[in-house]
PDB file of all heavy atoms in Angstrom:
ATOM      1  N   THR A   1       4.559   4.854  -8.477  1.00  0.00           N
ATOM      2  CA  THR A   1       5.612   5.868  -8.381  1.00  0.00           C
ATOM      3  C   THR A   1       6.967   5.287  -8.774  1.00  0.00           C
ATOM      4  O   THR A   1       7.719   5.893  -9.545  1.00  0.00           O
ATOM      5  CB  THR A   1       5.683   6.431  -6.949  1.00  0.00           C
ATOM      6  OG1 THR A   1       4.424   7.023  -6.610  1.00  0.00           O
ATOM      7  CG2 THR A   1       6.767   7.482  -6.826  1.00  0.00           C
ATOM      8  N   ASN A   2       7.292   4.108  -8.247  1.00  0.00           N
ATOM      9  CA  ASN A   2       8.570   3.456  -8.582  1.00  0.00           C
ATOM     10  C   ASN A   2       8.659   3.165 -10.078  1.00  0.00           C
ATOM     11  O   ASN A   2       9.727   3.296 -10.688  1.00  0.00           O
ATOM     12  CB  ASN A   2       8.746   2.168  -7.787  1.00  0.00           C
ATOM     13  CG  ASN A   2       8.966   2.419  -6.307  1.00  0.00           C
ATOM     14  OD1 ASN A   2       9.370   3.511  -5.912  1.00  0.00           O
ATOM     15  ND2 ASN A   2       8.695   1.433  -5.480  1.00  0.00           N
ATOM     16  N   PHE A   3       7.511   2.765 -10.647  1.00  0.00           N
ATOM     17  CA  PHE A   3       7.467   2.504 -12.093  1.00  0.00           C
ATOM     18  C   PHE A   3       7.813   3.766 -12.872  1.00  0.00           C
ATOM     19  O   PHE A   3       8.647   3.740 -13.789  1.00  0.00           O
ATOM     20  CB  PHE A   3       6.082   1.995 -12.492  1.00  0.00           C
ATOM     21  CG  PHE A   3       5.808   2.055 -13.965  1.00  0.00           C
ATOM     22  CD1 PHE A   3       6.428   1.171 -14.844  1.00  0.00           C
ATOM     23  CD2 PHE A   3       4.942   3.007 -14.495  1.00  0.00           C
ATOM     24  CE1 PHE A   3       6.182   1.236 -16.210  1.00  0.00           C
ATOM     25  CE2 PHE A   3       4.699   3.078 -15.853  1.00  0.00           C
ATOM     26  CZ  PHE A   3       5.320   2.190 -16.718  1.00  0.00           C
ATOM     27  N   TYR A   4       7.190   4.887 -12.498  1.00  0.00           N
ATOM     28  CA  TYR A   4       7.472   6.144 -13.197  1.00  0.00           C
ATOM     29  C   TYR A   4       8.939   6.554 -13.046  1.00  0.00           C
ATOM     30  O   TYR A   4       9.558   7.042 -13.990  1.00  0.00           O
ATOM     31  CB  TYR A   4       6.572   7.257 -12.676  1.00  0.00           C
ATOM     32  CG  TYR A   4       5.137   7.185 -13.164  1.00  0.00           C
ATOM     33  CD1 TYR A   4       4.067   7.460 -12.306  1.00  0.00           C
ATOM     34  CD2 TYR A   4       4.838   6.862 -14.489  1.00  0.00           C
ATOM     35  CE1 TYR A   4       2.749   7.402 -12.742  1.00  0.00           C
ATOM     36  CE2 TYR A   4       3.515   6.793 -14.936  1.00  0.00           C
ATOM     37  CZ  TYR A   4       2.483   7.063 -14.062  1.00  0.00           C
ATOM     38  OH  TYR A   4       1.181   7.011 -14.497  1.00  0.00           O
ATOM     39  N   GLU A   5       9.492   6.337 -11.855  1.00  0.00           N
ATOM     40  CA  GLU A   5      10.910   6.672 -11.659  1.00  0.00           C
ATOM     41  C   GLU A   5      11.796   5.778 -12.531  1.00  0.00           C
ATOM     42  O   GLU A   5      12.767   6.250 -13.125  1.00  0.00           O
ATOM     43  CB  GLU A   5      11.284   6.547 -10.186  1.00  0.00           C
ATOM     44  CG  GLU A   5      10.718   7.665  -9.312  1.00  0.00           C
ATOM     45  CD  GLU A   5      11.423   7.768  -7.985  1.00  0.00           C
ATOM     46  OE1 GLU A   5      12.599   8.171  -7.951  1.00  0.00           O
ATOM     47  OE2 GLU A   5      10.789   7.424  -6.966  1.00  0.00           O
ATOM     48  N   ASN A   6      11.460   4.491 -12.588  1.00  0.00           N
ATOM     49  CA  ASN A   6      12.240   3.570 -13.428  1.00  0.00           C
ATOM     50  C   ASN A   6      12.141   3.934 -14.905  1.00  0.00           C
ATOM     51  O   ASN A   6      13.052   3.645 -15.684  1.00  0.00           O
ATOM     52  CB  ASN A   6      11.767   2.129 -13.224  1.00  0.00           C
ATOM     53  CG  ASN A   6      12.111   1.598 -11.847  1.00  0.00           C
ATOM     54  OD1 ASN A   6      13.043   2.077 -11.211  1.00  0.00           O
ATOM     55  ND2 ASN A   6      11.362   0.612 -11.373  1.00  0.00           N
ATOM     56  N   GLN A   7      11.022   4.571 -15.285  1.00  0.00           N
ATOM     57  CA  GLN A   7      10.826   5.013 -16.665  1.00  0.00           C
ATOM     58  C   GLN A   7      11.387   6.413 -16.899  1.00  0.00           C
ATOM     59  O   GLN A   7      11.199   6.986 -17.974  1.00  0.00           O
ATOM     60  CB  GLN A   7       9.322   5.003 -17.000  1.00  0.00           C
ATOM     61  CG  GLN A   7       8.679   3.624 -17.023  1.00  0.00           C
ATOM     62  CD  GLN A   7       9.195   2.759 -18.142  1.00  0.00           C
ATOM     63  OE1 GLN A   7       9.231   3.184 -19.288  1.00  0.00           O
ATOM     64  NE2 GLN A   7       9.600   1.533 -17.819  1.00  0.00           N
ATOM     65  N   ASN A   8      12.053   6.961 -15.856  1.00  0.00           N
ATOM     66  CA  ASN A   8      12.606   8.320 -15.927  1.00  0.00           C
ATOM     67  C   ASN A   8      11.510   9.350 -16.227  1.00  0.00           C
ATOM     68  O   ASN A   8      11.678  10.237 -17.070  1.00  0.00           O
ATOM     69  CB  ASN A   8      13.729   8.401 -16.969  1.00  0.00           C
ATOM     70  CG  ASN A   8      14.622   9.612 -16.748  1.00  0.00           C
ATOM     71  OD1 ASN A   8      14.744  10.104 -15.623  1.00  0.00           O
ATOM     72  ND2 ASN A   8      15.217  10.123 -17.817  1.00  0.00           N
ATOM     73  N   GLN A   9      10.394   9.226 -15.490  1.00  0.00           N
ATOM     74  CA  GLN A   9       9.275  10.163 -15.620  1.00  0.00           C
ATOM     75  C   GLN A   9       8.964  10.757 -14.236  1.00  0.00           C
ATOM     76  O   GLN A   9       7.915  10.477 -13.650  1.00  0.00           O
ATOM     77  CB  GLN A   9       8.048   9.441 -16.182  1.00  0.00           C
ATOM     78  CG  GLN A   9       8.246   8.911 -17.604  1.00  0.00           C
ATOM     79  CD  GLN A   9       7.030   8.157 -18.116  1.00  0.00           C
ATOM     80  OE1 GLN A   9       6.473   7.288 -17.441  1.00  0.00           O
ATOM     81  NE2 GLN A   9       6.600   8.489 -19.319  1.00  0.00           N
ATOM     82  N   PRO A  10       9.890  11.579 -13.710  1.00  0.00           N
ATOM     83  CA  PRO A  10       9.709  12.086 -12.346  1.00  0.00           C
ATOM     84  C   PRO A  10       8.480  12.957 -12.152  1.00  0.00           C
ATOM     85  O   PRO A  10       7.881  12.961 -11.075  1.00  0.00           O
ATOM     86  CB  PRO A  10      10.990  12.881 -12.103  1.00  0.00           C
ATOM     87  CG  PRO A  10      11.527  13.210 -13.456  1.00  0.00           C
ATOM     88  CD  PRO A  10      11.142  12.054 -14.324  1.00  0.00           C
ATOM     89  N   GLU A  11       8.076  13.696 -13.198  1.00  0.00           N
ATOM     90  CA  GLU A  11       6.880  14.549 -13.074  1.00  0.00           C
ATOM     91  C   GLU A  11       5.648  13.683 -12.808  1.00  0.00           C
ATOM     92  O   GLU A  11       4.802  14.019 -11.972  1.00  0.00           O
ATOM     93  CB  GLU A  11       6.680  15.379 -14.348  1.00  0.00           C
ATOM     94  CG  GLU A  11       7.845  16.285 -14.710  1.00  0.00           C
ATOM     95  CD  GLU A  11       7.875  17.567 -13.880  1.00  0.00           C
ATOM     96  OE1 GLU A  11       6.972  17.759 -13.057  1.00  0.00           O
ATOM     97  OE2 GLU A  11       8.833  18.356 -14.067  1.00  0.00           O
ATOM     98  N   LYS A  12       5.551  12.569 -13.517  1.00  0.00           N
ATOM     99  CA  LYS A  12       4.428  11.651 -13.295  1.00  0.00           C
ATOM    100  C   LYS A  12       4.522  11.001 -11.917  1.00  0.00           C
ATOM    101  O   LYS A  12       3.497  10.753 -11.256  1.00  0.00           O
ATOM    102  CB  LYS A  12       4.389  10.563 -14.378  1.00  0.00           C
ATOM    103  CG  LYS A  12       3.841  11.041 -15.704  1.00  0.00           C
ATOM    104  CD  LYS A  12       3.605   9.852 -16.633  1.00  0.00           C
ATOM    105  CE  LYS A  12       2.862  10.273 -17.893  1.00  0.00           C
ATOM    106  NZ  LYS A  12       2.540   9.101 -18.757  1.00  0.00           N
ATOM    107  N   ALA A  13       5.752  10.711 -11.470  1.00  0.00           N
ATOM    108  CA  ALA A  13       5.937  10.131 -10.137  1.00  0.00           C
ATOM    109  C   ALA A  13       5.416  11.088  -9.066  1.00  0.00           C
ATOM    110  O   ALA A  13       4.706  10.685  -8.136  1.00  0.00           O
ATOM    111  CB  ALA A  13       7.412   9.820  -9.898  1.00  0.00           C
ATOM    112  N   ILE A  14       5.746  12.370  -9.214  1.00  0.00           N
ATOM    113  CA  ILE A  14       5.273  13.378  -8.250  1.00  0.00           C
ATOM    114  C   ILE A  14       3.759  13.477  -8.301  1.00  0.00           C
ATOM    115  O   ILE A  14       3.086  13.545  -7.263  1.00  0.00           O
ATOM    116  CB  ILE A  14       5.934  14.740  -8.542  1.00  0.00           C
ATOM    117  CG1 ILE A  14       7.424  14.683  -8.204  1.00  0.00           C
ATOM    118  CG2 ILE A  14       5.252  15.862  -7.743  1.00  0.00           C
ATOM    119  CD1 ILE A  14       8.227  15.881  -8.684  1.00  0.00           C
ATOM    120  N   GLY A  15       3.197  13.464  -9.513  1.00  0.00           N
ATOM    121  CA  GLY A  15       1.732  13.524  -9.654  1.00  0.00           C
ATOM    122  C   GLY A  15       1.045  12.368  -8.962  1.00  0.00           C
ATOM    123  O   GLY A  15       0.014  12.544  -8.291  1.00  0.00           O
ATOM    124  N   SER A  16       1.610  11.166  -9.101  1.00  0.00           N
ATOM    125  CA  SER A  16       1.053   9.977  -8.455  1.00  0.00           C
ATOM    126  C   SER A  16       1.088  10.116  -6.935  1.00  0.00           C
ATOM    127  O   SER A  16       0.113   9.803  -6.239  1.00  0.00           O
ATOM    128  CB  SER A  16       1.850   8.743  -8.891  1.00  0.00           C
ATOM    129  OG  SER A  16       1.549   7.617  -8.103  1.00  0.00           O
ATOM    130  N   LEU A  17       2.222  10.599  -6.422  1.00  0.00           N
ATOM    131  CA  LEU A  17       2.358  10.770  -4.968  1.00  0.00           C
ATOM    132  C   LEU A  17       1.408  11.844  -4.432  1.00  0.00           C
ATOM    133  O   LEU A  17       0.831  11.687  -3.351  1.00  0.00           O
ATOM    134  CB  LEU A  17       3.810  11.130  -4.623  1.00  0.00           C
ATOM    135  CG  LEU A  17       4.819   9.985  -4.750  1.00  0.00           C
ATOM    136  CD1 LEU A  17       6.237  10.518  -4.770  1.00  0.00           C
ATOM    137  CD2 LEU A  17       4.634   8.979  -3.611  1.00  0.00           C
ATOM    138  N   GLU A  18       1.244  12.919  -5.181  1.00  0.00           N
ATOM    139  CA  GLU A  18       0.321  13.975  -4.747  1.00  0.00           C
ATOM    140  C   GLU A  18      -1.114  13.462  -4.708  1.00  0.00           C
ATOM    141  O   GLU A  18      -1.870  13.767  -3.780  1.00  0.00           O
ATOM    142  CB  GLU A  18       0.431  15.183  -5.674  1.00  0.00           C
ATOM    143  CG  GLU A  18       1.713  15.972  -5.488  1.00  0.00           C
ATOM    144  CD  GLU A  18       1.791  17.185  -6.388  1.00  0.00           C
ATOM    145  OE1 GLU A  18       1.575  17.043  -7.609  1.00  0.00           O
ATOM    146  OE2 GLU A  18       2.053  18.282  -5.868  1.00  0.00           O
ATOM    147  N   GLU A  19      -1.464  12.660  -5.703  1.00  0.00           N
ATOM    148  CA  GLU A  19      -2.798  12.046  -5.718  1.00  0.00           C
ATOM    149  C   GLU A  19      -2.983  11.149  -4.492  1.00  0.00           C
ATOM    150  O   GLU A  19      -4.021  11.175  -3.822  1.00  0.00           O
ATOM    151  CB  GLU A  19      -2.959  11.224  -7.001  1.00  0.00           C
ATOM    152  CG  GLU A  19      -4.303  10.498  -7.124  1.00  0.00           C
ATOM    153  CD  GLU A  19      -4.316   9.529  -8.303  1.00  0.00           C
ATOM    154  OE1 GLU A  19      -3.725   9.845  -9.365  1.00  0.00           O
ATOM    155  OE2 GLU A  19      -4.907   8.438  -8.156  1.00  0.00           O
ATOM    156  N   GLY A  20      -1.952  10.355  -4.195  1.00  0.00           N
ATOM    157  CA  GLY A  20      -2.009   9.477  -3.021  1.00  0.00           C
ATOM    158  C   GLY A  20      -2.105  10.255  -1.725  1.00  0.00           C
ATOM    159  O   GLY A  20      -2.847   9.872  -0.814  1.00  0.00           O
ATOM    160  N   GLN A  21      -1.349  11.338  -1.633  1.00  0.00           N
ATOM    161  CA  GLN A  21      -1.383  12.162  -0.418  1.00  0.00           C
ATOM    162  C   GLN A  21      -2.769  12.772  -0.202  1.00  0.00           C
ATOM    163  O   GLN A  21      -3.299  12.783   0.908  1.00  0.00           O
ATOM    164  CB  GLN A  21      -0.314  13.259  -0.505  1.00  0.00           C
ATOM    165  CG  GLN A  21      -0.405  14.365   0.527  1.00  0.00           C
ATOM    166  CD  GLN A  21      -0.311  13.865   1.956  1.00  0.00           C
ATOM    167  OE1 GLN A  21       0.161  12.772   2.211  1.00  0.00           O
ATOM    168  NE2 GLN A  21      -0.790  14.663   2.881  1.00  0.00           N
ATOM    169  N   ARG A  22      -3.380  13.273  -1.273  1.00  0.00           N
ATOM    170  CA  ARG A  22      -4.739  13.855  -1.154  1.00  0.00           C
ATOM    171  C   ARG A  22      -5.736  12.791  -0.712  1.00  0.00           C
ATOM    172  O   ARG A  22      -6.625  13.060   0.104  1.00  0.00           O
ATOM    173  CB  ARG A  22      -5.180  14.451  -2.497  1.00  0.00           C
ATOM    174  CG  ARG A  22      -4.505  15.769  -2.847  1.00  0.00           C
ATOM    175  CD  ARG A  22      -5.204  16.451  -4.009  1.00  0.00           C
ATOM    176  NE  ARG A  22      -5.170  15.653  -5.225  1.00  0.00           N
ATOM    177  CZ  ARG A  22      -4.189  15.706  -6.126  1.00  0.00           C
ATOM    178  NH1 ARG A  22      -3.164  16.519  -5.938  1.00  0.00           N
ATOM    179  NH2 ARG A  22      -4.239  14.953  -7.217  1.00  0.00           N
ATOM    180  N   ARG A  23      -5.557  11.585  -1.228  1.00  0.00           N
ATOM    181  CA  ARG A  23      -6.530  10.514  -0.954  1.00  0.00           C
ATOM    182  C   ARG A  23      -6.319   9.868   0.411  1.00  0.00           C
ATOM    183  O   ARG A  23      -7.282   9.567   1.119  1.00  0.00           O
ATOM    184  CB  ARG A  23      -6.415   9.462  -2.059  1.00  0.00           C
ATOM    185  CG  ARG A  23      -7.406   8.319  -1.951  1.00  0.00           C
ATOM    186  CD  ARG A  23      -7.330   7.466  -3.201  1.00  0.00           C
ATOM    187  NE  ARG A  23      -8.194   6.308  -3.141  1.00  0.00           N
ATOM    188  CZ  ARG A  23      -8.313   5.406  -4.111  1.00  0.00           C
ATOM    189  NH1 ARG A  23      -7.628   5.560  -5.234  1.00  0.00           N
ATOM    190  NH2 ARG A  23      -9.114   4.365  -3.983  1.00  0.00           N
ATOM    191  N   LEU A  24      -5.047   9.675   0.784  1.00  0.00           N
ATOM    192  CA  LEU A  24      -4.738   8.888   1.979  1.00  0.00           C
ATOM    193  C   LEU A  24      -4.278   9.713   3.170  1.00  0.00           C
ATOM    194  O   LEU A  24      -4.287   9.211   4.297  1.00  0.00           O
ATOM    195  CB  LEU A  24      -3.656   7.848   1.645  1.00  0.00           C
ATOM    196  CG  LEU A  24      -4.009   6.854   0.533  1.00  0.00           C
ATOM    197  CD1 LEU A  24      -2.797   6.031   0.160  1.00  0.00           C
ATOM    198  CD2 LEU A  24      -5.163   5.957   0.947  1.00  0.00           C
ATOM    199  N   GLN A  25      -3.852  10.948   2.914  1.00  0.00           N
ATOM    200  CA  GLN A  25      -3.375  11.825   3.989  1.00  0.00           C
ATOM    201  C   GLN A  25      -2.269  11.155   4.813  1.00  0.00           C
ATOM    202  O   GLN A  25      -2.324  11.109   6.029  1.00  0.00           O
ATOM    203  CB  GLN A  25      -4.544  12.245   4.899  1.00  0.00           C
ATOM    204  CG  GLN A  25      -5.607  13.087   4.220  1.00  0.00           C
ATOM    205  CD  GLN A  25      -5.090  14.444   3.778  1.00  0.00           C
ATOM    206  OE1 GLN A  25      -4.571  15.207   4.581  1.00  0.00           O
ATOM    207  NE2 GLN A  25      -5.223  14.738   2.488  1.00  0.00           N
ATOM    208  N   ARG A  26      -1.257  10.640   4.119  1.00  0.00           N
ATOM    209  CA  ARG A  26      -0.124   9.994   4.785  1.00  0.00           C
ATOM    210  C   ARG A  26       1.089  10.924   4.759  1.00  0.00           C
ATOM    211  O   ARG A  26       1.537  11.340   3.679  1.00  0.00           O
ATOM    212  CB  ARG A  26       0.233   8.673   4.099  1.00  0.00           C
ATOM    213  CG  ARG A  26      -0.871   7.614   4.173  1.00  0.00           C
ATOM    214  CD  ARG A  26      -1.093   7.136   5.600  1.00  0.00           C
ATOM    215  NE  ARG A  26      -2.163   6.164   5.667  1.00  0.00           N
ATOM    216  CZ  ARG A  26      -1.981   4.844   5.527  1.00  0.00           C
ATOM    217  NH1 ARG A  26      -0.761   4.368   5.320  1.00  0.00           N
ATOM    218  NH2 ARG A  26      -3.002   4.017   5.599  1.00  0.00           N
ATOM    219  N   ASN A  27       1.616  11.215   5.938  1.00  0.00           N
ATOM    220  CA  ASN A  27       2.765  12.114   6.017  1.00  0.00           C
ATOM    221  C   ASN A  27       3.968  11.568   5.252  1.00  0.00           C
ATOM    222  O   ASN A  27       4.748  12.326   4.668  1.00  0.00           O
ATOM    223  CB  ASN A  27       3.139  12.353   7.484  1.00  0.00           C
ATOM    224  CG  ASN A  27       4.184  13.449   7.650  1.00  0.00           C
ATOM    225  OD1 ASN A  27       4.108  14.465   6.979  1.00  0.00           O
ATOM    226  ND2 ASN A  27       5.138  13.240   8.522  1.00  0.00           N
ATOM    227  N   ALA A  28       4.130  10.229   5.249  1.00  0.00           N
ATOM    228  CA  ALA A  28       5.267   9.618   4.556  1.00  0.00           C
ATOM    229  C   ALA A  28       5.318  10.022   3.086  1.00  0.00           C
ATOM    230  O   ALA A  28       6.399  10.085   2.481  1.00  0.00           O
ATOM    231  CB  ALA A  28       5.202   8.104   4.685  1.00  0.00           C
ATOM    232  N   MET A  29       4.169  10.316   2.499  1.00  0.00           N
ATOM    233  CA  MET A  29       4.142  10.702   1.086  1.00  0.00           C
ATOM    234  C   MET A  29       4.729  12.090   0.874  1.00  0.00           C
ATOM    235  O   MET A  29       5.226  12.388  -0.215  1.00  0.00           O
ATOM    236  CB  MET A  29       2.721  10.602   0.537  1.00  0.00           C
ATOM    237  CG  MET A  29       2.286   9.162   0.322  1.00  0.00           C
ATOM    238  SD  MET A  29       0.685   9.009  -0.449  1.00  0.00           S
ATOM    239  CE  MET A  29       0.749   7.310  -1.021  1.00  0.00           C
ATOM    240  N   HIS A  30       4.678  12.954   1.902  1.00  0.00           N
ATOM    241  CA  HIS A  30       5.364  14.238   1.802  1.00  0.00           C
ATOM    242  C   HIS A  30       6.861  14.006   1.561  1.00  0.00           C
ATOM    243  O   HIS A  30       7.482  14.668   0.734  1.00  0.00           O
ATOM    244  CB  HIS A  30       5.186  15.050   3.098  1.00  0.00           C
ATOM    245  CG  HIS A  30       3.850  15.709   3.214  1.00  0.00           C
ATOM    246  ND1 HIS A  30       3.085  15.635   4.355  1.00  0.00           N
ATOM    247  CD2 HIS A  30       3.149  16.457   2.335  1.00  0.00           C
ATOM    248  CE1 HIS A  30       1.967  16.316   4.173  1.00  0.00           C
ATOM    249  NE2 HIS A  30       1.978  16.816   2.950  1.00  0.00           N
ATOM    250  N   TYR A  31       7.415  13.058   2.314  1.00  0.00           N
ATOM    251  CA  TYR A  31       8.834  12.755   2.155  1.00  0.00           C
ATOM    252  C   TYR A  31       9.119  12.247   0.742  1.00  0.00           C
ATOM    253  O   TYR A  31      10.095  12.659   0.101  1.00  0.00           O
ATOM    254  CB  TYR A  31       9.310  11.721   3.182  1.00  0.00           C
ATOM    255  CG  TYR A  31      10.719  11.254   2.906  1.00  0.00           C
ATOM    256  CD1 TYR A  31      11.812  12.030   3.289  1.00  0.00           C
ATOM    257  CD2 TYR A  31      10.959  10.071   2.203  1.00  0.00           C
ATOM    258  CE1 TYR A  31      13.111  11.632   2.987  1.00  0.00           C
ATOM    259  CE2 TYR A  31      12.250   9.669   1.902  1.00  0.00           C
ATOM    260  CZ  TYR A  31      13.318  10.454   2.290  1.00  0.00           C
ATOM    261  OH  TYR A  31      14.594  10.067   1.977  1.00  0.00           O
ATOM    262  N   GLN A  32       8.270  11.327   0.250  1.00  0.00           N
ATOM    263  CA  GLN A  32       8.508  10.735  -1.062  1.00  0.00           C
ATOM    264  C   GLN A  32       8.469  11.783  -2.172  1.00  0.00           C
ATOM    265  O   GLN A  32       9.260  11.737  -3.116  1.00  0.00           O
ATOM    266  CB  GLN A  32       7.486   9.625  -1.330  1.00  0.00           C
ATOM    267  CG  GLN A  32       7.592   8.433  -0.404  1.00  0.00           C
ATOM    268  CD  GLN A  32       8.933   7.730  -0.474  1.00  0.00           C
ATOM    269  OE1 GLN A  32       9.576   7.714  -1.520  1.00  0.00           O
ATOM    270  NE2 GLN A  32       9.372   7.161   0.636  1.00  0.00           N
ATOM    271  N   ILE A  33       7.547  12.745  -2.057  1.00  0.00           N
ATOM    272  CA  ILE A  33       7.484  13.830  -3.047  1.00  0.00           C
ATOM    273  C   ILE A  33       8.785  14.632  -3.011  1.00  0.00           C
ATOM    274  O   ILE A  33       9.394  14.909  -4.043  1.00  0.00           O
ATOM    275  CB  ILE A  33       6.274  14.752  -2.788  1.00  0.00           C
ATOM    276  CG1 ILE A  33       4.961  13.987  -3.013  1.00  0.00           C
ATOM    277  CG2 ILE A  33       6.328  15.994  -3.691  1.00  0.00           C
ATOM    278  CD1 ILE A  33       3.719  14.706  -2.510  1.00  0.00           C
ATOM    279  N   GLY A  34       9.204  15.000  -1.788  1.00  0.00           N
ATOM    280  CA  GLY A  34      10.448  15.748  -1.640  1.00  0.00           C
ATOM    281  C   GLY A  34      11.645  14.991  -2.169  1.00  0.00           C
ATOM    282  O   GLY A  34      12.554  15.582  -2.774  1.00  0.00           O
ATOM    283  N   LYS A  35      11.667  13.696  -1.968  1.00  0.00           N
ATOM    284  CA  LYS A  35      12.766  12.840  -2.442  1.00  0.00           C
ATOM    285  C   LYS A  35      12.880  12.896  -3.960  1.00  0.00           C
ATOM    286  O   LYS A  35      13.974  13.056  -4.509  1.00  0.00           O
ATOM    287  CB  LYS A  35      12.543  11.406  -1.977  1.00  0.00           C
ATOM    288  CG  LYS A  35      13.525  10.387  -2.542  1.00  0.00           C
ATOM    289  CD  LYS A  35      13.150   8.987  -2.084  1.00  0.00           C
ATOM    290  CE  LYS A  35      14.051   7.934  -2.712  1.00  0.00           C
ATOM    291  NZ  LYS A  35      13.876   7.817  -4.182  1.00  0.00           N
TER     292      LYS A  35
END
């Protein structure tokens, strides 16, 4: 996610976080998506 943000690819960053949230069910990832 940080890599995608550094590359100015926020859509991919959100996609990565959503994939992680589905797989890991971590509430913290909700925050990261919103951020």
